[in-house]
Amino acid sequence: YAERPCGELAYGDVKRLELAIALANQPKLLLMDEPTAGMAPRERIELMRLTARIAREQSIGVLFTEHDMDVVFEHADRILVLNRGSLIAEGSPEEVRGNAQVRAIYLGEGLLYDARHREGASA
């Protein structure tokens, strides 16, 4: 891989290269914006496992933003959920997964939540 131009690398390899570049300065905190965007499911799993292993081995904190809730629930220790710039939930994956607003907005129960919310608002 060392001799290949970046433009010839597979997308997953490019993401791993970006991770290596970010780690070159030995950070205490690794910031990742949508690290799995555009990746195939297997690549997502591999990248996040690699990131977790390196973070654990090198005692690096990781802060990532992600829209894929499966990735979030699988890899985060603590989650903050924003909706249109407002904090709507915070806690462990279990706590956040159980939050009605999170389920409504991000986990596909929106129509049911909206109907209940409107009924409660008009009562």
PDB file of N, CA and C in Angstrom:
ATOM      1  N   TYR A   1       0.809  -1.207   0.000  1.00  0.00           N
ATOM      2  CA  TYR A   1       0.000   0.000   0.000  1.00  0.00           C
ATOM      3  C   TYR A   1       0.851   1.270   0.000  1.00  0.00           C
ATOM      4  N   ALA A   2       2.036   1.189   0.531  1.00  0.00           N
ATOM      5  CA  ALA A   2       2.862   2.389   0.682  1.00  0.00           C
ATOM      6  C   ALA A   2       3.193   3.048  -0.649  1.00  0.00           C
ATOM      7  N   GLU A   3       3.254   2.274  -1.702  1.00  0.00           N
ATOM      8  CA  GLU A   3       3.617   2.811  -3.009  1.00  0.00           C
ATOM      9  C   GLU A   3       2.413   3.269  -3.825  1.00  0.00           C
ATOM     10  N   ARG A   4       1.205   2.958  -3.371  1.00  0.00           N
ATOM     11  CA  ARG A   4       0.010   3.288  -4.147  1.00  0.00           C
ATOM     12  C   ARG A   4      -0.473   4.698  -3.830  1.00  0.00           C
ATOM     13  N   PRO A   5      -0.833   5.458  -4.869  1.00  0.00           N
ATOM     14  CA  PRO A   5      -1.434   6.778  -4.622  1.00  0.00           C
ATOM     15  C   PRO A   5      -2.775   6.623  -3.897  1.00  0.00           C
ATOM     16  N   CYS A   6      -3.118   7.595  -3.083  1.00  0.00           N
ATOM     17  CA  CYS A   6      -4.375   7.533  -2.321  1.00  0.00           C
ATOM     18  C   CYS A   6      -5.576   7.331  -3.233  1.00  0.00           C
ATOM     19  N   GLY A   7      -5.533   7.920  -4.425  1.00  0.00           N
ATOM     20  CA  GLY A   7      -6.645   7.811  -5.355  1.00  0.00           C
ATOM     21  C   GLY A   7      -6.910   6.396  -5.835  1.00  0.00           C
ATOM     22  N   GLU A   8      -5.957   5.503  -5.643  1.00  0.00           N
ATOM     23  CA  GLU A   8      -6.125   4.112  -6.060  1.00  0.00           C
ATOM     24  C   GLU A   8      -6.573   3.207  -4.921  1.00  0.00           C
ATOM     25  N   LEU A   9      -6.665   3.735  -3.724  1.00  0.00           N
ATOM     26  CA  LEU A   9      -7.066   2.924  -2.577  1.00  0.00           C
ATOM     27  C   LEU A   9      -8.580   2.750  -2.544  1.00  0.00           C
ATOM     28  N   ALA A  10      -9.017   1.621  -2.024  1.00  0.00           N
ATOM     29  CA  ALA A  10     -10.444   1.402  -1.786  1.00  0.00           C
ATOM     30  C   ALA A  10     -10.905   2.375  -0.701  1.00  0.00           C
ATOM     31  N   TYR A  11     -12.201   2.681  -0.691  1.00  0.00           N
ATOM     32  CA  TYR A  11     -12.736   3.672   0.246  1.00  0.00           C
ATOM     33  C   TYR A  11     -12.434   3.308   1.701  1.00  0.00           C
ATOM     34  N   GLY A  12     -12.605   2.054   2.061  1.00  0.00           N
ATOM     35  CA  GLY A  12     -12.307   1.617   3.426  1.00  0.00           C
ATOM     36  C   GLY A  12     -10.845   1.812   3.781  1.00  0.00           C
ATOM     37  N   ASP A  13      -9.959   1.583   2.805  1.00  0.00           N
ATOM     38  CA  ASP A  13      -8.530   1.803   3.032  1.00  0.00           C
ATOM     39  C   ASP A  13      -8.225   3.287   3.209  1.00  0.00           C
ATOM     40  N   VAL A  14      -8.923   4.135   2.469  1.00  0.00           N
ATOM     41  CA  VAL A  14      -8.755   5.584   2.632  1.00  0.00           C
ATOM     42  C   VAL A  14      -9.152   5.996   4.046  1.00  0.00           C
ATOM     43  N   LYS A  15     -10.247   5.446   4.543  1.00  0.00           N
ATOM     44  CA  LYS A  15     -10.694   5.772   5.905  1.00  0.00           C
ATOM     45  C   LYS A  15      -9.658   5.322   6.936  1.00  0.00           C
ATOM     46  N   ARG A  16      -9.066   4.151   6.748  1.00  0.00           N
ATOM     47  CA  ARG A  16      -8.022   3.686   7.667  1.00  0.00           C
ATOM     48  C   ARG A  16      -6.785   4.583   7.574  1.00  0.00           C
ATOM     49  N   LEU A  17      -6.463   5.047   6.366  1.00  0.00           N
ATOM     50  CA  LEU A  17      -5.347   5.975   6.192  1.00  0.00           C
ATOM     51  C   LEU A  17      -5.625   7.284   6.926  1.00  0.00           C
ATOM     52  N   GLU A  18      -6.845   7.792   6.818  1.00  0.00           N
ATOM     53  CA  GLU A  18      -7.217   9.014   7.537  1.00  0.00           C
ATOM     54  C   GLU A  18      -7.069   8.818   9.043  1.00  0.00           C
ATOM     55  N   LEU A  19      -7.443   7.644   9.534  1.00  0.00           N
ATOM     56  CA  LEU A  19      -7.290   7.340  10.959  1.00  0.00           C
ATOM     57  C   LEU A  19      -5.809   7.347  11.337  1.00  0.00           C
ATOM     58  N   ALA A  20      -4.975   6.729  10.517  1.00  0.00           N
ATOM     59  CA  ALA A  20      -3.532   6.701  10.789  1.00  0.00           C
ATOM     60  C   ALA A  20      -2.949   8.110  10.816  1.00  0.00           C
ATOM     61  N   ILE A  21      -3.377   8.947   9.882  1.00  0.00           N
ATOM     62  CA  ILE A  21      -2.894  10.334   9.845  1.00  0.00           C
ATOM     63  C   ILE A  21      -3.312  11.068  11.120  1.00  0.00           C
ATOM     64  N   ALA A  22      -4.549  10.870  11.533  1.00  0.00           N
ATOM     65  CA  ALA A  22      -5.045  11.530  12.751  1.00  0.00           C
ATOM     66  C   ALA A  22      -4.280  11.064  13.986  1.00  0.00           C
ATOM     67  N   LEU A  23      -3.867   9.806  13.995  1.00  0.00           N
ATOM     68  CA  LEU A  23      -3.165   9.252  15.153  1.00  0.00           C
ATOM     69  C   LEU A  23      -1.674   9.575  15.160  1.00  0.00           C
ATOM     70  N   ALA A  24      -1.142  10.059  14.049  1.00  0.00           N
ATOM     71  CA  ALA A  24       0.297  10.310  13.935  1.00  0.00           C
ATOM     72  C   ALA A  24       0.806  11.302  14.974  1.00  0.00           C
ATOM     73  N   ASN A  25      -0.028  12.239  15.374  1.00  0.00           N
ATOM     74  CA  ASN A  25       0.382  13.241  16.367  1.00  0.00           C
ATOM     75  C   ASN A  25       0.126  12.804  17.796  1.00  0.00           C
ATOM     76  N   GLN A  26      -0.246  11.551  17.988  1.00  0.00           N
ATOM     77  CA  GLN A  26      -0.507  10.979  19.310  1.00  0.00           C
ATOM     78  C   GLN A  26      -1.483  11.835  20.121  1.00  0.00           C
ATOM     79  N   PRO A  27      -2.681  12.021  19.606  1.00  0.00           N
ATOM     80  CA  PRO A  27      -3.658  12.866  20.307  1.00  0.00           C
ATOM     81  C   PRO A  27      -4.178  12.202  21.578  1.00  0.00           C
ATOM     82  N   LYS A  28      -4.656  13.010  22.479  1.00  0.00           N
ATOM     83  CA  LYS A  28      -5.348  12.507  23.672  1.00  0.00           C
ATOM     84  C   LYS A  28      -6.828  12.303  23.376  1.00  0.00           C
ATOM     85  N   LEU A  29      -7.339  13.061  22.390  1.00  0.00           N
ATOM     86  CA  LEU A  29      -8.737  12.983  21.987  1.00  0.00           C
ATOM     87  C   LEU A  29      -8.794  12.926  20.468  1.00  0.00           C
ATOM     88  N   LEU A  30      -9.517  11.949  19.960  1.00  0.00           N
ATOM     89  CA  LEU A  30      -9.694  11.777  18.524  1.00  0.00           C
ATOM     90  C   LEU A  30     -11.102  12.227  18.163  1.00  0.00           C
ATOM     91  N   LEU A  31     -11.198  13.218  17.283  1.00  0.00           N
ATOM     92  CA  LEU A  31     -12.493  13.722  16.831  1.00  0.00           C
ATOM     93  C   LEU A  31     -12.794  13.115  15.468  1.00  0.00           C
ATOM     94  N   MET A  32     -13.968  12.494  15.336  1.00  0.00           N
ATOM     95  CA  MET A  32     -14.339  11.834  14.081  1.00  0.00           C
ATOM     96  C   MET A  32     -15.731  12.303  13.663  1.00  0.00           C
ATOM     97  N   ASP A  33     -15.812  12.899  12.488  1.00  0.00           N
ATOM     98  CA  ASP A  33     -17.081  13.390  11.960  1.00  0.00           C
ATOM     99  C   ASP A  33     -17.607  12.388  10.939  1.00  0.00           C
ATOM    100  N   GLU A  34     -18.705  11.718  11.276  1.00  0.00           N
ATOM    101  CA  GLU A  34     -19.323  10.726  10.388  1.00  0.00           C
ATOM    102  C   GLU A  34     -18.281   9.732   9.868  1.00  0.00           C
ATOM    103  N   PRO A  35     -17.569   9.048  10.762  1.00  0.00           N
ATOM    104  CA  PRO A  35     -16.465   8.192  10.309  1.00  0.00           C
ATOM    105  C   PRO A  35     -16.884   7.047   9.394  1.00  0.00           C
ATOM    106  N   THR A  36     -18.128   6.616   9.460  1.00  0.00           N
ATOM    107  CA  THR A  36     -18.541   5.470   8.650  1.00  0.00           C
ATOM    108  C   THR A  36     -19.405   5.850   7.456  1.00  0.00           C
ATOM    109  N   ALA A  37     -19.559   7.143   7.204  1.00  0.00           N
ATOM    110  CA  ALA A  37     -20.405   7.587   6.090  1.00  0.00           C
ATOM    111  C   ALA A  37     -19.902   7.010   4.770  1.00  0.00           C
ATOM    112  N   GLY A  38     -20.802   6.463   4.001  1.00  0.00           N
ATOM    113  CA  GLY A  38     -20.475   5.934   2.689  1.00  0.00           C
ATOM    114  C   GLY A  38     -19.802   4.583   2.679  1.00  0.00           C
ATOM    115  N   MET A  39     -19.656   3.975   3.841  1.00  0.00           N
ATOM    116  CA  MET A  39     -18.972   2.686   3.915  1.00  0.00           C
ATOM    117  C   MET A  39     -19.974   1.536   3.887  1.00  0.00           C
ATOM    118  N   ALA A  40     -19.520   0.413   3.370  1.00  0.00           N
ATOM    119  CA  ALA A  40     -20.319  -0.807   3.398  1.00  0.00           C
ATOM    120  C   ALA A  40     -20.405  -1.298   4.842  1.00  0.00           C
ATOM    121  N   PRO A  41     -21.443  -2.064   5.180  1.00  0.00           N
ATOM    122  CA  PRO A  41     -21.602  -2.528   6.569  1.00  0.00           C
ATOM    123  C   PRO A  41     -20.357  -3.199   7.144  1.00  0.00           C
ATOM    124  N   ARG A  42     -19.733  -4.066   6.396  1.00  0.00           N
ATOM    125  CA  ARG A  42     -18.548  -4.756   6.919  1.00  0.00           C
ATOM    126  C   ARG A  42     -17.404  -3.774   7.172  1.00  0.00           C
ATOM    127  N   GLU A  43     -17.227  -2.811   6.271  1.00  0.00           N
ATOM    128  CA  GLU A  43     -16.183  -1.802   6.452  1.00  0.00           C
ATOM    129  C   GLU A  43     -16.446  -0.956   7.691  1.00  0.00           C
ATOM    130  N   ARG A  44     -17.724  -0.618   7.926  1.00  0.00           N
ATOM    131  CA  ARG A  44     -18.090   0.167   9.120  1.00  0.00           C
ATOM    132  C   ARG A  44     -17.670  -0.566  10.381  1.00  0.00           C
ATOM    133  N   ILE A  45     -18.016  -1.843  10.440  1.00  0.00           N
ATOM    134  CA  ILE A  45     -17.683  -2.652  11.618  1.00  0.00           C
ATOM    135  C   ILE A  45     -16.177  -2.698  11.818  1.00  0.00           C
ATOM    136  N   GLU A  46     -15.440  -2.973  10.750  1.00  0.00           N
ATOM    137  CA  GLU A  46     -13.980  -3.080  10.850  1.00  0.00           C
ATOM    138  C   GLU A  46     -13.346  -1.768  11.301  1.00  0.00           C
ATOM    139  N   LEU A  47     -13.785  -0.646  10.727  1.00  0.00           N
ATOM    140  CA  LEU A  47     -13.205   0.647  11.093  1.00  0.00           C
ATOM    141  C   LEU A  47     -13.487   0.988  12.552  1.00  0.00           C
ATOM    142  N   MET A  48     -14.704   0.779  12.994  1.00  0.00           N
ATOM    143  CA  MET A  48     -15.044   1.133  14.373  1.00  0.00           C
ATOM    144  C   MET A  48     -14.361   0.202  15.371  1.00  0.00           C
ATOM    145  N   ARG A  49     -14.228  -1.063  15.038  1.00  0.00           N
ATOM    146  CA  ARG A  49     -13.490  -1.981  15.927  1.00  0.00           C
ATOM    147  C   ARG A  49     -12.020  -1.597  15.999  1.00  0.00           C
ATOM    148  N   LEU A  50     -11.439  -1.249  14.856  1.00  0.00           N
ATOM    149  CA  LEU A  50     -10.045  -0.807  14.829  1.00  0.00           C
ATOM    150  C   LEU A  50      -9.877   0.452  15.672  1.00  0.00           C
ATOM    151  N   THR A  51     -10.771   1.396  15.500  1.00  0.00           N
ATOM    152  CA  THR A  51     -10.716   2.646  16.266  1.00  0.00           C
ATOM    153  C   THR A  51     -10.815   2.364  17.763  1.00  0.00           C
ATOM    154  N   ALA A  52     -11.754   1.510  18.148  1.00  0.00           N
ATOM    155  CA  ALA A  52     -11.939   1.178  19.570  1.00  0.00           C
ATOM    156  C   ALA A  52     -10.699   0.497  20.141  1.00  0.00           C
ATOM    157  N   ARG A  53     -10.125  -0.428  19.386  1.00  0.00           N
ATOM    158  CA  ARG A  53      -8.933  -1.142  19.863  1.00  0.00           C
ATOM    159  C   ARG A  53      -7.770  -0.172  20.057  1.00  0.00           C
ATOM    160  N   ILE A  54      -7.530   0.675  19.072  1.00  0.00           N
ATOM    161  CA  ILE A  54      -6.428   1.638  19.175  1.00  0.00           C
ATOM    162  C   ILE A  54      -6.672   2.613  20.325  1.00  0.00           C
ATOM    163  N   ALA A  55      -7.888   3.089  20.461  1.00  0.00           N
ATOM    164  CA  ALA A  55      -8.214   4.025  21.547  1.00  0.00           C
ATOM    165  C   ALA A  55      -7.961   3.386  22.907  1.00  0.00           C
ATOM    166  N   ARG A  56      -8.365   2.137  23.041  1.00  0.00           N
ATOM    167  CA  ARG A  56      -8.162   1.413  24.299  1.00  0.00           C
ATOM    168  C   ARG A  56      -6.668   1.218  24.571  1.00  0.00           C
ATOM    169  N   GLU A  57      -5.927   0.755  23.571  1.00  0.00           N
ATOM    170  CA  GLU A  57      -4.498   0.474  23.739  1.00  0.00           C
ATOM    171  C   GLU A  57      -3.682   1.733  24.025  1.00  0.00           C
ATOM    172  N   GLN A  58      -4.083   2.851  23.437  1.00  0.00           N
ATOM    173  CA  GLN A  58      -3.304   4.080  23.577  1.00  0.00           C
ATOM    174  C   GLN A  58      -3.950   5.092  24.523  1.00  0.00           C
ATOM    175  N   SER A  59      -5.001   4.694  25.207  1.00  0.00           N
ATOM    176  CA  SER A  59      -5.717   5.569  26.146  1.00  0.00           C
ATOM    177  C   SER A  59      -6.120   6.892  25.493  1.00  0.00           C
ATOM    178  N   ILE A  60      -6.774   6.782  24.350  1.00  0.00           N
ATOM    179  CA  ILE A  60      -7.236   7.953  23.612  1.00  0.00           C
ATOM    180  C   ILE A  60      -8.750   8.043  23.748  1.00  0.00           C
ATOM    181  N   GLY A  61      -9.243   9.223  24.055  1.00  0.00           N
ATOM    182  CA  GLY A  61     -10.684   9.442  24.039  1.00  0.00           C
ATOM    183  C   GLY A  61     -11.145   9.615  22.599  1.00  0.00           C
ATOM    184  N   VAL A  62     -12.352   9.169  22.314  1.00  0.00           N
ATOM    185  CA  VAL A  62     -12.903   9.301  20.966  1.00  0.00           C
ATOM    186  C   VAL A  62     -14.261   9.984  21.060  1.00  0.00           C
ATOM    187  N   LEU A  63     -14.422  11.047  20.282  1.00  0.00           N
ATOM    188  CA  LEU A  63     -15.694  11.750  20.171  1.00  0.00           C
ATOM    189  C   LEU A  63     -16.090  11.686  18.706  1.00  0.00           C
ATOM    190  N   PHE A  64     -17.245  11.067  18.430  1.00  0.00           N
ATOM    191  CA  PHE A  64     -17.658  10.996  17.034  1.00  0.00           C
ATOM    192  C   PHE A  64     -19.103  11.401  16.858  1.00  0.00           C
ATOM    193  N   THR A  65     -19.355  12.019  15.698  1.00  0.00           N
ATOM    194  CA  THR A  65     -20.719  12.328  15.288  1.00  0.00           C
ATOM    195  C   THR A  65     -21.114  11.259  14.286  1.00  0.00           C
ATOM    196  N   GLU A  66     -22.368  10.850  14.341  1.00  0.00           N
ATOM    197  CA  GLU A  66     -22.788   9.755  13.463  1.00  0.00           C
ATOM    198  C   GLU A  66     -24.300   9.738  13.357  1.00  0.00           C
ATOM    199  N   HIS A  67     -24.803   9.561  12.149  1.00  0.00           N
ATOM    200  CA  HIS A  67     -26.241   9.430  11.945  1.00  0.00           C
ATOM    201  C   HIS A  67     -26.696   7.979  11.982  1.00  0.00           C
ATOM    202  N   ASP A  68     -25.789   7.048  11.795  1.00  0.00           N
ATOM    203  CA  ASP A  68     -26.135   5.625  11.805  1.00  0.00           C
ATOM    204  C   ASP A  68     -26.265   5.176  13.260  1.00  0.00           C
ATOM    205  N   MET A  69     -27.498   5.055  13.714  1.00  0.00           N
ATOM    206  CA  MET A  69     -27.741   4.746  15.125  1.00  0.00           C
ATOM    207  C   MET A  69     -27.232   3.360  15.510  1.00  0.00           C
ATOM    208  N   ASP A  70     -27.157   2.433  14.565  1.00  0.00           N
ATOM    209  CA  ASP A  70     -26.584   1.121  14.867  1.00  0.00           C
ATOM    210  C   ASP A  70     -25.121   1.269  15.271  1.00  0.00           C
ATOM    211  N   VAL A  71     -24.385   2.100  14.554  1.00  0.00           N
ATOM    212  CA  VAL A  71     -22.980   2.355  14.884  1.00  0.00           C
ATOM    213  C   VAL A  71     -22.889   3.028  16.249  1.00  0.00           C
ATOM    214  N   VAL A  72     -23.738   3.997  16.486  1.00  0.00           N
ATOM    215  CA  VAL A  72     -23.723   4.728  17.757  1.00  0.00           C
ATOM    216  C   VAL A  72     -23.970   3.776  18.926  1.00  0.00           C
ATOM    217  N   PHE A  73     -25.039   2.999  18.855  1.00  0.00           N
ATOM    218  CA  PHE A  73     -25.382   2.114  19.970  1.00  0.00           C
ATOM    219  C   PHE A  73     -24.341   1.016  20.176  1.00  0.00           C
ATOM    220  N   GLU A  74     -23.706   0.585  19.114  1.00  0.00           N
ATOM    221  CA  GLU A  74     -22.709  -0.484  19.213  1.00  0.00           C
ATOM    222  C   GLU A  74     -21.386  -0.003  19.797  1.00  0.00           C
ATOM    223  N   HIS A  75     -20.999   1.248  19.514  1.00  0.00           N
ATOM    224  CA  HIS A  75     -19.636   1.665  19.825  1.00  0.00           C
ATOM    225  C   HIS A  75     -19.499   2.787  20.843  1.00  0.00           C
ATOM    226  N   ALA A  76     -20.577   3.430  21.215  1.00  0.00           N
ATOM    227  CA  ALA A  76     -20.466   4.553  22.152  1.00  0.00           C
ATOM    228  C   ALA A  76     -20.682   4.094  23.592  1.00  0.00           C
ATOM    229  N   ASP A  77     -19.928   4.680  24.503  1.00  0.00           N
ATOM    230  CA  ASP A  77     -20.133   4.455  25.936  1.00  0.00           C
ATOM    231  C   ASP A  77     -21.155   5.445  26.479  1.00  0.00           C
ATOM    232  N   ARG A  78     -21.118   6.638  25.926  1.00  0.00           N
ATOM    233  CA  ARG A  78     -22.008   7.716  26.343  1.00  0.00           C
ATOM    234  C   ARG A  78     -22.484   8.420  25.081  1.00  0.00           C
ATOM    235  N   ILE A  79     -23.769   8.758  25.048  1.00  0.00           N
ATOM    236  CA  ILE A  79     -24.371   9.331  23.851  1.00  0.00           C
ATOM    237  C   ILE A  79     -25.085  10.628  24.196  1.00  0.00           C
ATOM    238  N   LEU A  80     -24.902  11.620  23.352  1.00  0.00           N
ATOM    239  CA  LEU A  80     -25.699  12.842  23.393  1.00  0.00           C
ATOM    240  C   LEU A  80     -26.419  12.917  22.059  1.00  0.00           C
ATOM    241  N   VAL A  81     -27.731  13.098  22.091  1.00  0.00           N
ATOM    242  CA  VAL A  81     -28.526  13.145  20.867  1.00  0.00           C
ATOM    243  C   VAL A  81     -29.058  14.556  20.681  1.00  0.00           C
ATOM    244  N   LEU A  82     -28.773  15.111  19.511  1.00  0.00           N
ATOM    245  CA  LEU A  82     -29.252  16.438  19.160  1.00  0.00           C
ATOM    246  C   LEU A  82     -30.317  16.321  18.083  1.00  0.00           C
ATOM    247  N   ASN A  83     -31.300  17.193  18.162  1.00  0.00           N
ATOM    248  CA  ASN A  83     -32.292  17.314  17.108  1.00  0.00           C
ATOM    249  C   ASN A  83     -32.450  18.797  16.815  1.00  0.00           C
ATOM    250  N   ARG A  84     -32.075  19.190  15.619  1.00  0.00           N
ATOM    251  CA  ARG A  84     -32.138  20.594  15.204  1.00  0.00           C
ATOM    252  C   ARG A  84     -31.417  21.514  16.184  1.00  0.00           C
ATOM    253  N   GLY A  85     -30.269  21.054  16.660  1.00  0.00           N
ATOM    254  CA  GLY A  85     -29.434  21.868  17.525  1.00  0.00           C
ATOM    255  C   GLY A  85     -29.762  21.814  19.004  1.00  0.00           C
ATOM    256  N   SER A  86     -30.816  21.102  19.371  1.00  0.00           N
ATOM    257  CA  SER A  86     -31.202  21.003  20.785  1.00  0.00           C
ATOM    258  C   SER A  86     -30.913  19.604  21.313  1.00  0.00           C
ATOM    259  N   LEU A  87     -30.389  19.546  22.521  1.00  0.00           N
ATOM    260  CA  LEU A  87     -30.126  18.273  23.178  1.00  0.00           C
ATOM    261  C   LEU A  87     -31.447  17.644  23.586  1.00  0.00           C
ATOM    262  N   ILE A  88     -31.716  16.428  23.101  1.00  0.00           N
ATOM    263  CA  ILE A  88     -32.972  15.761  23.463  1.00  0.00           C
ATOM    264  C   ILE A  88     -32.754  14.536  24.339  1.00  0.00           C
ATOM    265  N   ALA A  89     -31.519  14.022  24.380  1.00  0.00           N
ATOM    266  CA  ALA A  89     -31.252  12.859  25.229  1.00  0.00           C
ATOM    267  C   ALA A  89     -29.758  12.761  25.483  1.00  0.00           C
ATOM    268  N   GLU A  90     -29.443  12.145  26.616  1.00  0.00           N
ATOM    269  CA  GLU A  90     -28.047  11.947  26.981  1.00  0.00           C
ATOM    270  C   GLU A  90     -27.983  10.778  27.944  1.00  0.00           C
ATOM    271  N   GLY A  91     -26.941   9.953  27.799  1.00  0.00           N
ATOM    272  CA  GLY A  91     -26.768   8.833  28.707  1.00  0.00           C
ATOM    273  C   GLY A  91     -26.095   7.652  28.044  1.00  0.00           C
ATOM    274  N   SER A  92     -26.251   6.503  28.679  1.00  0.00           N
ATOM    275  CA  SER A  92     -25.692   5.261  28.148  1.00  0.00           C
ATOM    276  C   SER A  92     -26.493   4.845  26.913  1.00  0.00           C
ATOM    277  N   PRO A  93     -25.960   3.931  26.110  1.00  0.00           N
ATOM    278  CA  PRO A  93     -26.740   3.449  24.968  1.00  0.00           C
ATOM    279  C   PRO A  93     -28.117   2.921  25.374  1.00  0.00           C
ATOM    280  N   GLU A  94     -28.194   2.214  26.482  1.00  0.00           N
ATOM    281  CA  GLU A  94     -29.475   1.673  26.941  1.00  0.00           C
ATOM    282  C   GLU A  94     -30.453   2.784  27.309  1.00  0.00           C
ATOM    283  N   GLU A  95     -29.956   3.795  28.009  1.00  0.00           N
ATOM    284  CA  GLU A  95     -30.818   4.916  28.395  1.00  0.00           C
ATOM    285  C   GLU A  95     -31.330   5.668  27.168  1.00  0.00           C
ATOM    286  N   VAL A  96     -30.445   5.923  26.232  1.00  0.00           N
ATOM    287  CA  VAL A  96     -30.827   6.681  25.043  1.00  0.00           C
ATOM    288  C   VAL A  96     -31.766   5.872  24.161  1.00  0.00           C
ATOM    289  N   ARG A  97     -31.499   4.587  24.024  1.00  0.00           N
ATOM    290  CA  ARG A  97     -32.365   3.732  23.211  1.00  0.00           C
ATOM    291  C   ARG A  97     -33.790   3.707  23.773  1.00  0.00           C
ATOM    292  N   GLY A  98     -33.933   3.841  25.076  1.00  0.00           N
ATOM    293  CA  GLY A  98     -35.240   3.824  25.711  1.00  0.00           C
ATOM    294  C   GLY A  98     -35.955   5.165  25.714  1.00  0.00           C
ATOM    295  N   ASN A  99     -35.305   6.209  25.255  1.00  0.00           N
ATOM    296  CA  ASN A  99     -35.894   7.544  25.252  1.00  0.00           C
ATOM    297  C   ASN A  99     -36.948   7.652  24.153  1.00  0.00           C
ATOM    298  N   ALA A 100     -38.155   8.060  24.519  1.00  0.00           N
ATOM    299  CA  ALA A 100     -39.269   8.124  23.563  1.00  0.00           C
ATOM    300  C   ALA A 100     -38.991   9.089  22.416  1.00  0.00           C
ATOM    301  N   GLN A 101     -38.385  10.218  22.710  1.00  0.00           N
ATOM    302  CA  GLN A 101     -38.091  11.185  21.649  1.00  0.00           C
ATOM    303  C   GLN A 101     -37.065  10.637  20.663  1.00  0.00           C
ATOM    304  N   VAL A 102     -36.057   9.970  21.166  1.00  0.00           N
ATOM    305  CA  VAL A 102     -35.044   9.376  20.287  1.00  0.00           C
ATOM    306  C   VAL A 102     -35.679   8.303  19.419  1.00  0.00           C
ATOM    307  N   ARG A 103     -36.485   7.466  20.030  1.00  0.00           N
ATOM    308  CA  ARG A 103     -37.167   6.417  19.253  1.00  0.00           C
ATOM    309  C   ARG A 103     -38.040   7.046  18.182  1.00  0.00           C
ATOM    310  N   ALA A 104     -38.716   8.115  18.526  1.00  0.00           N
ATOM    311  CA  ALA A 104     -39.623   8.760  17.575  1.00  0.00           C
ATOM    312  C   ALA A 104     -38.873   9.387  16.404  1.00  0.00           C
ATOM    313  N   ILE A 105     -37.802  10.076  16.701  1.00  0.00           N
ATOM    314  CA  ILE A 105     -37.110  10.845  15.673  1.00  0.00           C
ATOM    315  C   ILE A 105     -36.109  10.008  14.885  1.00  0.00           C
ATOM    316  N   TYR A 106     -35.383   9.137  15.574  1.00  0.00           N
ATOM    317  CA  TYR A 106     -34.266   8.453  14.927  1.00  0.00           C
ATOM    318  C   TYR A 106     -34.453   6.957  14.717  1.00  0.00           C
ATOM    319  N   LEU A 107     -35.373   6.353  15.413  1.00  0.00           N
ATOM    320  CA  LEU A 107     -35.477   4.893  15.333  1.00  0.00           C
ATOM    321  C   LEU A 107     -36.750   4.420  14.652  1.00  0.00           C
ATOM    322  N   GLY A 108     -37.421   5.311  13.919  1.00  0.00           N
ATOM    323  CA  GLY A 108     -38.523   4.885  13.080  1.00  0.00           C
ATOM    324  C   GLY A 108     -39.884   4.816  13.719  1.00  0.00           C
ATOM    325  N   GLU A 109     -40.061   5.395  14.884  1.00  0.00           N
ATOM    326  CA  GLU A 109     -41.367   5.392  15.527  1.00  0.00           C
ATOM    327  C   GLU A 109     -41.965   6.798  15.505  1.00  0.00           C
ATOM    328  N   GLY A 110     -41.569   7.606  14.547  1.00  0.00           N
ATOM    329  CA  GLY A 110     -41.955   9.011  14.489  1.00  0.00           C
ATOM    330  C   GLY A 110     -43.431   9.257  14.335  1.00  0.00           C
ATOM    331  N   LEU A 111     -44.102   8.494  13.480  1.00  0.00           N
ATOM    332  CA  LEU A 111     -45.524   8.735  13.266  1.00  0.00           C
ATOM    333  C   LEU A 111     -46.316   8.473  14.535  1.00  0.00           C
ATOM    334  N   LEU A 112     -45.982   7.399  15.222  1.00  0.00           N
ATOM    335  CA  LEU A 112     -46.665   7.075  16.470  1.00  0.00           C
ATOM    336  C   LEU A 112     -46.396   8.160  17.511  1.00  0.00           C
ATOM    337  N   TYR A 113     -45.123   8.597  17.619  1.00  0.00           N
ATOM    338  CA  TYR A 113     -44.771   9.631  18.590  1.00  0.00           C
ATOM    339  C   TYR A 113     -45.503  10.933  18.268  1.00  0.00           C
ATOM    340  N   ASP A 114     -45.488  11.339  16.994  1.00  0.00           N
ATOM    341  CA  ASP A 114     -46.138  12.591  16.611  1.00  0.00           C
ATOM    342  C   ASP A 114     -47.620  12.573  16.958  1.00  0.00           C
ATOM    343  N   ALA A 115     -48.286  11.448  16.719  1.00  0.00           N
ATOM    344  CA  ALA A 115     -49.714  11.345  17.023  1.00  0.00           C
ATOM    345  C   ALA A 115     -49.951  11.465  18.524  1.00  0.00           C
ATOM    346  N   ARG A 116     -49.158  10.775  19.316  1.00  0.00           N
ATOM    347  CA  ARG A 116     -49.309  10.847  20.780  1.00  0.00           C
ATOM    348  C   ARG A 116     -49.005  12.253  21.273  1.00  0.00           C
ATOM    349  N   HIS A 117     -47.953  12.852  20.718  1.00  0.00           N
ATOM    350  CA  HIS A 117     -47.544  14.187  21.143  1.00  0.00           C
ATOM    351  C   HIS A 117     -48.651  15.204  20.851  1.00  0.00           C
ATOM    352  N   ARG A 118     -49.251  15.115  19.678  1.00  0.00           N
ATOM    353  CA  ARG A 118     -50.343  16.026  19.325  1.00  0.00           C
ATOM    354  C   ARG A 118     -51.542  15.806  20.231  1.00  0.00           C
ATOM    355  N   GLU A 119     -51.857  14.532  20.517  1.00  0.00           N
ATOM    356  CA  GLU A 119     -52.998  14.244  21.394  1.00  0.00           C
ATOM    357  C   GLU A 119     -52.762  14.828  22.775  1.00  0.00           C
ATOM    358  N   GLY A 120     -51.524  14.669  23.294  1.00  0.00           N
ATOM    359  CA  GLY A 120     -51.193  15.198  24.609  1.00  0.00           C
ATOM    360  C   GLY A 120     -51.205  16.712  24.635  1.00  0.00           C
ATOM    361  N   ALA A 121     -50.805  17.325  23.533  1.00  0.00           N
ATOM    362  CA  ALA A 121     -50.755  18.789  23.468  1.00  0.00           C
ATOM    363  C   ALA A 121     -52.146  19.398  23.426  1.00  0.00           C
ATOM    364  N   SER A 122     -53.101  18.680  22.832  1.00  0.00           N
ATOM    365  CA  SER A 122     -54.446  19.246  22.714  1.00  0.00           C
ATOM    366  C   SER A 122     -55.312  18.952  23.933  1.00  0.00           C
ATOM    367  N   ALA A 123     -54.847  18.086  24.815  1.00  0.00           N
ATOM    368  CA  ALA A 123     -55.643  17.718  25.993  1.00  0.00           C
ATOM    369  C   ALA A 123     -55.540  18.752  27.076  1.00  0.00           C
TER     370      ALA A 123
END
